[in-house]
Amino acid sequence: MNLTGLSVSELRALQEQVKQEIKKREHEDVAKAREQILAIAQSVGLPLKDLLGGNLRAKKVGTVAVRYRHPSDASLQWTGRGRHPVWVRDWVASGKSLDALRV
């Protein structure tokens, strides 16, 4: 394609058409890939989650036991992970031991 004979406005219009065509083809490629992946999963009798590794990517979710609790307000709890909560910092700043809060 010889572009030298085109004006700037024609080149910009062509540029926009190219952008739209690229976007359209990318969407088509993704759709085809999805269809192929689903066909493979169905051909071997596997659910798609198992084929893709399912829980391998999932982060383990669990609860961490409380290690510290305020003696006069049981709703103030801390697992001992991360930053000290304000109430723990205040407790230690007042000269009291962190071990006194251990559960």
N, C-alpha and C. Protein backbone atom coordinates (compact mmCIF):
# COMPACT_ATOMS: atom_id res chain seq x y z
N MET A 1 0.85 -1.17 0.00
CA MET A 1 0.00 0.00 0.00
C MET A 1 0.90 1.24 0.00
N ASN A 2 0.70 2.12 -0.94
CA ASN A 2 1.48 3.33 -1.05
C ASN A 2 0.78 4.45 -0.29
N LEU A 3 1.42 4.94 0.77
CA LEU A 3 0.81 5.95 1.63
C LEU A 3 1.23 7.36 1.27
N THR A 4 2.19 7.51 0.38
CA THR A 4 2.73 8.83 0.08
C THR A 4 1.72 9.76 -0.57
N GLY A 5 0.76 9.25 -1.26
CA GLY A 5 -0.22 10.09 -1.93
C GLY A 5 -1.39 10.50 -1.06
N LEU A 6 -1.44 10.01 0.18
CA LEU A 6 -2.57 10.31 1.06
C LEU A 6 -2.33 11.60 1.85
N SER A 7 -3.40 12.33 2.09
CA SER A 7 -3.30 13.54 2.91
C SER A 7 -3.23 13.14 4.39
N VAL A 8 -2.93 14.11 5.24
CA VAL A 8 -2.84 13.86 6.68
C VAL A 8 -4.19 13.38 7.22
N SER A 9 -5.27 13.99 6.78
CA SER A 9 -6.59 13.58 7.28
C SER A 9 -6.92 12.16 6.81
N GLU A 10 -6.53 11.81 5.61
CA GLU A 10 -6.76 10.44 5.12
C GLU A 10 -5.91 9.44 5.90
N LEU A 11 -4.66 9.84 6.22
CA LEU A 11 -3.79 8.97 7.02
C LEU A 11 -4.36 8.75 8.42
N ARG A 12 -4.92 9.82 9.01
CA ARG A 12 -5.51 9.69 10.36
C ARG A 12 -6.74 8.79 10.32
N ALA A 13 -7.54 8.92 9.28
CA ALA A 13 -8.72 8.07 9.13
C ALA A 13 -8.28 6.62 8.97
N LEU A 14 -7.23 6.40 8.19
CA LEU A 14 -6.70 5.06 8.00
C LEU A 14 -6.16 4.50 9.32
N GLN A 15 -5.50 5.37 10.07
CA GLN A 15 -4.96 4.96 11.37
C GLN A 15 -6.09 4.50 12.30
N GLU A 16 -7.19 5.22 12.30
CA GLU A 16 -8.33 4.86 13.14
C GLU A 16 -8.93 3.53 12.69
N GLN A 17 -9.00 3.33 11.38
CA GLN A 17 -9.52 2.07 10.85
C GLN A 17 -8.62 0.90 11.26
N VAL A 18 -7.30 1.13 11.23
CA VAL A 18 -6.35 0.09 11.62
C VAL A 18 -6.53 -0.25 13.10
N LYS A 19 -6.67 0.76 13.95
CA LYS A 19 -6.89 0.52 15.39
C LYS A 19 -8.14 -0.32 15.62
N GLN A 20 -9.22 0.04 14.94
CA GLN A 20 -10.47 -0.70 15.11
C GLN A 20 -10.34 -2.13 14.61
N GLU A 21 -9.66 -2.32 13.51
CA GLU A 21 -9.48 -3.67 12.96
C GLU A 21 -8.63 -4.53 13.89
N ILE A 22 -7.58 -3.95 14.45
CA ILE A 22 -6.73 -4.69 15.39
C ILE A 22 -7.55 -5.10 16.61
N LYS A 23 -8.33 -4.19 17.13
CA LYS A 23 -9.17 -4.49 18.30
C LYS A 23 -10.15 -5.62 17.99
N LYS A 24 -10.78 -5.54 16.84
CA LYS A 24 -11.75 -6.56 16.42
C LYS A 24 -11.07 -7.93 16.30
N ARG A 25 -9.91 -7.96 15.68
CA ARG A 25 -9.21 -9.24 15.50
C ARG A 25 -8.72 -9.82 16.82
N GLU A 26 -8.28 -8.96 17.72
CA GLU A 26 -7.86 -9.44 19.04
C GLU A 26 -9.03 -10.11 19.76
N HIS A 27 -10.21 -9.49 19.70
CA HIS A 27 -11.40 -10.07 20.33
C HIS A 27 -11.75 -11.42 19.68
N GLU A 28 -11.63 -11.48 18.37
CA GLU A 28 -11.90 -12.74 17.67
C GLU A 28 -10.91 -13.82 18.07
N ASP A 29 -9.63 -13.45 18.20
CA ASP A 29 -8.60 -14.42 18.60
C ASP A 29 -8.86 -14.96 20.01
N VAL A 30 -9.27 -14.08 20.91
CA VAL A 30 -9.58 -14.52 22.27
C VAL A 30 -10.78 -15.45 22.26
N ALA A 31 -11.80 -15.13 21.49
CA ALA A 31 -12.99 -15.98 21.41
C ALA A 31 -12.63 -17.35 20.85
N LYS A 32 -11.80 -17.39 19.81
CA LYS A 32 -11.37 -18.68 19.24
C LYS A 32 -10.57 -19.49 20.24
N ALA A 33 -9.69 -18.82 20.98
CA ALA A 33 -8.89 -19.52 21.98
C ALA A 33 -9.77 -20.12 23.06
N ARG A 34 -10.77 -19.36 23.49
CA ARG A 34 -11.70 -19.87 24.51
C ARG A 34 -12.43 -21.12 24.00
N GLU A 35 -12.89 -21.05 22.76
CA GLU A 35 -13.60 -22.19 22.18
C GLU A 35 -12.69 -23.42 22.12
N GLN A 36 -11.44 -23.22 21.74
CA GLN A 36 -10.50 -24.34 21.66
C GLN A 36 -10.23 -24.93 23.04
N ILE A 37 -10.05 -24.08 24.03
CA ILE A 37 -9.80 -24.55 25.39
C ILE A 37 -10.99 -25.34 25.91
N LEU A 38 -12.19 -24.83 25.69
CA LEU A 38 -13.39 -25.54 26.12
C LEU A 38 -13.53 -26.88 25.41
N ALA A 39 -13.21 -26.91 24.11
CA ALA A 39 -13.29 -28.16 23.35
C ALA A 39 -12.30 -29.19 23.89
N ILE A 40 -11.10 -28.75 24.23
CA ILE A 40 -10.10 -29.67 24.80
C ILE A 40 -10.59 -30.20 26.13
N ALA A 41 -11.10 -29.33 26.98
CA ALA A 41 -11.59 -29.75 28.29
C ALA A 41 -12.73 -30.76 28.15
N GLN A 42 -13.63 -30.51 27.23
CA GLN A 42 -14.76 -31.42 27.03
C GLN A 42 -14.29 -32.74 26.44
N SER A 43 -13.28 -32.70 25.57
CA SER A 43 -12.82 -33.94 24.93
C SER A 43 -12.17 -34.89 25.91
N VAL A 44 -11.59 -34.37 26.97
CA VAL A 44 -10.98 -35.24 27.97
C VAL A 44 -11.86 -35.42 29.20
N GLY A 45 -13.02 -34.78 29.19
CA GLY A 45 -13.97 -34.96 30.28
C GLY A 45 -13.61 -34.23 31.55
N LEU A 46 -12.88 -33.15 31.44
CA LEU A 46 -12.49 -32.38 32.62
C LEU A 46 -13.26 -31.07 32.70
N PRO A 47 -13.64 -30.69 33.91
CA PRO A 47 -14.19 -29.35 34.07
C PRO A 47 -13.08 -28.33 33.77
N LEU A 48 -13.45 -27.20 33.27
CA LEU A 48 -12.48 -26.19 32.89
C LEU A 48 -11.60 -25.77 34.07
N LYS A 49 -12.16 -25.70 35.26
CA LYS A 49 -11.38 -25.31 36.44
C LYS A 49 -10.25 -26.30 36.69
N ASP A 50 -10.52 -27.59 36.53
CA ASP A 50 -9.48 -28.60 36.73
C ASP A 50 -8.40 -28.49 35.66
N LEU A 51 -8.80 -28.20 34.45
CA LEU A 51 -7.84 -28.07 33.36
C LEU A 51 -6.90 -26.90 33.58
N LEU A 52 -7.43 -25.82 34.11
CA LEU A 52 -6.62 -24.63 34.33
C LEU A 52 -5.91 -24.63 35.67
N GLY A 53 -6.06 -25.65 36.45
CA GLY A 53 -5.36 -25.73 37.72
C GLY A 53 -6.21 -25.31 38.90
N GLY A 54 -7.40 -24.87 38.66
CA GLY A 54 -8.36 -24.53 39.70
C GLY A 54 -7.78 -23.88 40.93
N ASN A 55 -7.59 -24.64 41.97
CA ASN A 55 -7.18 -24.11 43.26
C ASN A 55 -5.70 -23.82 43.36
N LEU A 56 -4.93 -24.13 42.35
CA LEU A 56 -3.50 -23.85 42.42
C LEU A 56 -3.22 -22.36 42.51
N ARG A 57 -4.09 -21.59 41.92
CA ARG A 57 -3.89 -20.15 41.94
C ARG A 57 -4.58 -19.50 43.13
N ALA A 58 -5.48 -20.22 43.73
CA ALA A 58 -6.25 -19.64 44.82
C ALA A 58 -5.38 -19.50 46.06
N LYS A 59 -5.54 -18.40 46.72
CA LYS A 59 -4.81 -18.15 47.95
C LYS A 59 -5.55 -18.84 49.10
N LYS A 60 -4.80 -19.46 49.96
CA LYS A 60 -5.43 -20.11 51.11
C LYS A 60 -6.06 -19.04 51.98
N VAL A 61 -7.29 -19.32 52.35
CA VAL A 61 -8.00 -18.39 53.20
C VAL A 61 -8.31 -19.11 54.50
N GLY A 62 -7.89 -18.53 55.57
CA GLY A 62 -8.14 -19.14 56.87
C GLY A 62 -8.10 -18.08 57.94
N THR A 63 -8.40 -18.50 59.12
CA THR A 63 -8.35 -17.56 60.23
C THR A 63 -7.11 -17.82 61.06
N VAL A 64 -6.60 -16.78 61.63
CA VAL A 64 -5.43 -16.87 62.49
C VAL A 64 -5.91 -16.68 63.92
N ALA A 65 -5.39 -17.50 64.80
CA ALA A 65 -5.82 -17.43 66.19
C ALA A 65 -5.40 -16.11 66.83
N VAL A 66 -6.24 -15.64 67.70
CA VAL A 66 -5.96 -14.41 68.44
C VAL A 66 -4.88 -14.72 69.47
N ARG A 67 -3.86 -13.88 69.52
CA ARG A 67 -2.78 -14.08 70.49
C ARG A 67 -2.82 -13.06 71.62
N TYR A 68 -3.42 -11.90 71.33
CA TYR A 68 -3.44 -10.84 72.33
C TYR A 68 -4.86 -10.30 72.46
N ARG A 69 -5.26 -10.04 73.70
CA ARG A 69 -6.60 -9.51 73.97
C ARG A 69 -6.49 -8.51 75.11
N HIS A 70 -7.22 -7.41 74.98
CA HIS A 70 -7.23 -6.39 76.03
C HIS A 70 -7.94 -6.96 77.25
N PRO A 71 -7.37 -6.81 78.43
CA PRO A 71 -7.98 -7.43 79.62
C PRO A 71 -9.34 -6.86 80.01
N SER A 72 -9.60 -5.59 79.73
CA SER A 72 -10.87 -5.03 80.15
C SER A 72 -11.88 -4.90 79.00
N ASP A 73 -11.44 -5.07 77.75
CA ASP A 73 -12.34 -4.99 76.61
C ASP A 73 -12.03 -6.14 75.66
N ALA A 74 -12.79 -7.22 75.76
CA ALA A 74 -12.51 -8.44 74.99
C ALA A 74 -12.68 -8.26 73.49
N SER A 75 -13.34 -7.17 73.08
CA SER A 75 -13.50 -6.94 71.64
C SER A 75 -12.21 -6.45 70.99
N LEU A 76 -11.27 -6.00 71.80
CA LEU A 76 -9.97 -5.56 71.28
C LEU A 76 -9.04 -6.76 71.25
N GLN A 77 -8.83 -7.26 70.04
CA GLN A 77 -8.02 -8.46 69.86
C GLN A 77 -6.99 -8.22 68.77
N TRP A 78 -5.90 -9.01 68.82
CA TRP A 78 -4.86 -8.89 67.81
C TRP A 78 -4.21 -10.25 67.63
N THR A 79 -3.95 -10.61 66.39
CA THR A 79 -3.35 -11.92 66.09
C THR A 79 -1.84 -11.93 66.29
N GLY A 80 -1.26 -10.77 66.43
CA GLY A 80 0.19 -10.70 66.56
C GLY A 80 0.87 -10.50 65.22
N ARG A 81 0.09 -10.43 64.16
CA ARG A 81 0.63 -10.21 62.81
C ARG A 81 0.42 -8.77 62.39
N GLY A 82 1.32 -8.27 61.59
CA GLY A 82 1.19 -6.92 61.08
C GLY A 82 1.52 -5.88 62.13
N ARG A 83 1.11 -4.67 61.84
CA ARG A 83 1.38 -3.56 62.76
C ARG A 83 0.63 -3.75 64.07
N HIS A 84 1.21 -3.15 65.11
CA HIS A 84 0.52 -3.17 66.40
C HIS A 84 -0.72 -2.27 66.29
N PRO A 85 -1.86 -2.74 66.76
CA PRO A 85 -3.03 -1.86 66.80
C PRO A 85 -2.78 -0.71 67.77
N VAL A 86 -3.56 0.33 67.65
CA VAL A 86 -3.39 1.51 68.50
C VAL A 86 -3.50 1.14 69.97
N TRP A 87 -4.47 0.30 70.30
CA TRP A 87 -4.63 -0.05 71.71
C TRP A 87 -3.42 -0.81 72.25
N VAL A 88 -2.74 -1.60 71.42
CA VAL A 88 -1.53 -2.30 71.86
C VAL A 88 -0.40 -1.29 72.05
N ARG A 89 -0.27 -0.36 71.09
CA ARG A 89 0.77 0.67 71.21
C ARG A 89 0.56 1.50 72.48
N ASP A 90 -0.69 1.86 72.74
CA ASP A 90 -0.99 2.64 73.96
C ASP A 90 -0.65 1.85 75.21
N TRP A 91 -0.96 0.57 75.20
CA TRP A 91 -0.69 -0.31 76.34
C TRP A 91 0.81 -0.36 76.63
N VAL A 92 1.61 -0.59 75.59
CA VAL A 92 3.06 -0.69 75.76
C VAL A 92 3.65 0.66 76.12
N ALA A 93 3.12 1.76 75.53
CA ALA A 93 3.61 3.10 75.82
C ALA A 93 3.35 3.49 77.27
N SER A 94 2.33 2.90 77.87
CA SER A 94 2.03 3.23 79.27
C SER A 94 2.93 2.44 80.23
N GLY A 95 3.87 1.66 79.68
CA GLY A 95 4.83 0.95 80.52
C GLY A 95 4.42 -0.46 80.86
N LYS A 96 3.35 -0.94 80.31
CA LYS A 96 2.88 -2.28 80.61
C LYS A 96 3.48 -3.27 79.61
N SER A 97 3.55 -4.51 80.00
CA SER A 97 4.18 -5.54 79.19
C SER A 97 3.20 -6.10 78.15
N LEU A 98 3.74 -6.38 76.96
CA LEU A 98 2.93 -7.00 75.91
C LEU A 98 2.53 -8.41 76.33
N ASP A 99 3.37 -9.06 77.09
CA ASP A 99 3.05 -10.42 77.56
C ASP A 99 1.81 -10.45 78.44
N ALA A 100 1.48 -9.33 79.06
CA ALA A 100 0.28 -9.29 79.91
C ALA A 100 -0.99 -9.41 79.08
N LEU A 101 -0.89 -9.17 77.78
CA LEU A 101 -2.07 -9.25 76.91
C LEU A 101 -2.22 -10.62 76.26
N ARG A 102 -1.24 -11.47 76.40
CA ARG A 102 -1.28 -12.80 75.75
C ARG A 102 -2.47 -13.60 76.21
N VAL A 103 -3.06 -14.30 75.24
CA VAL A 103 -4.22 -15.15 75.53
C VAL A 103 -3.72 -16.52 75.93
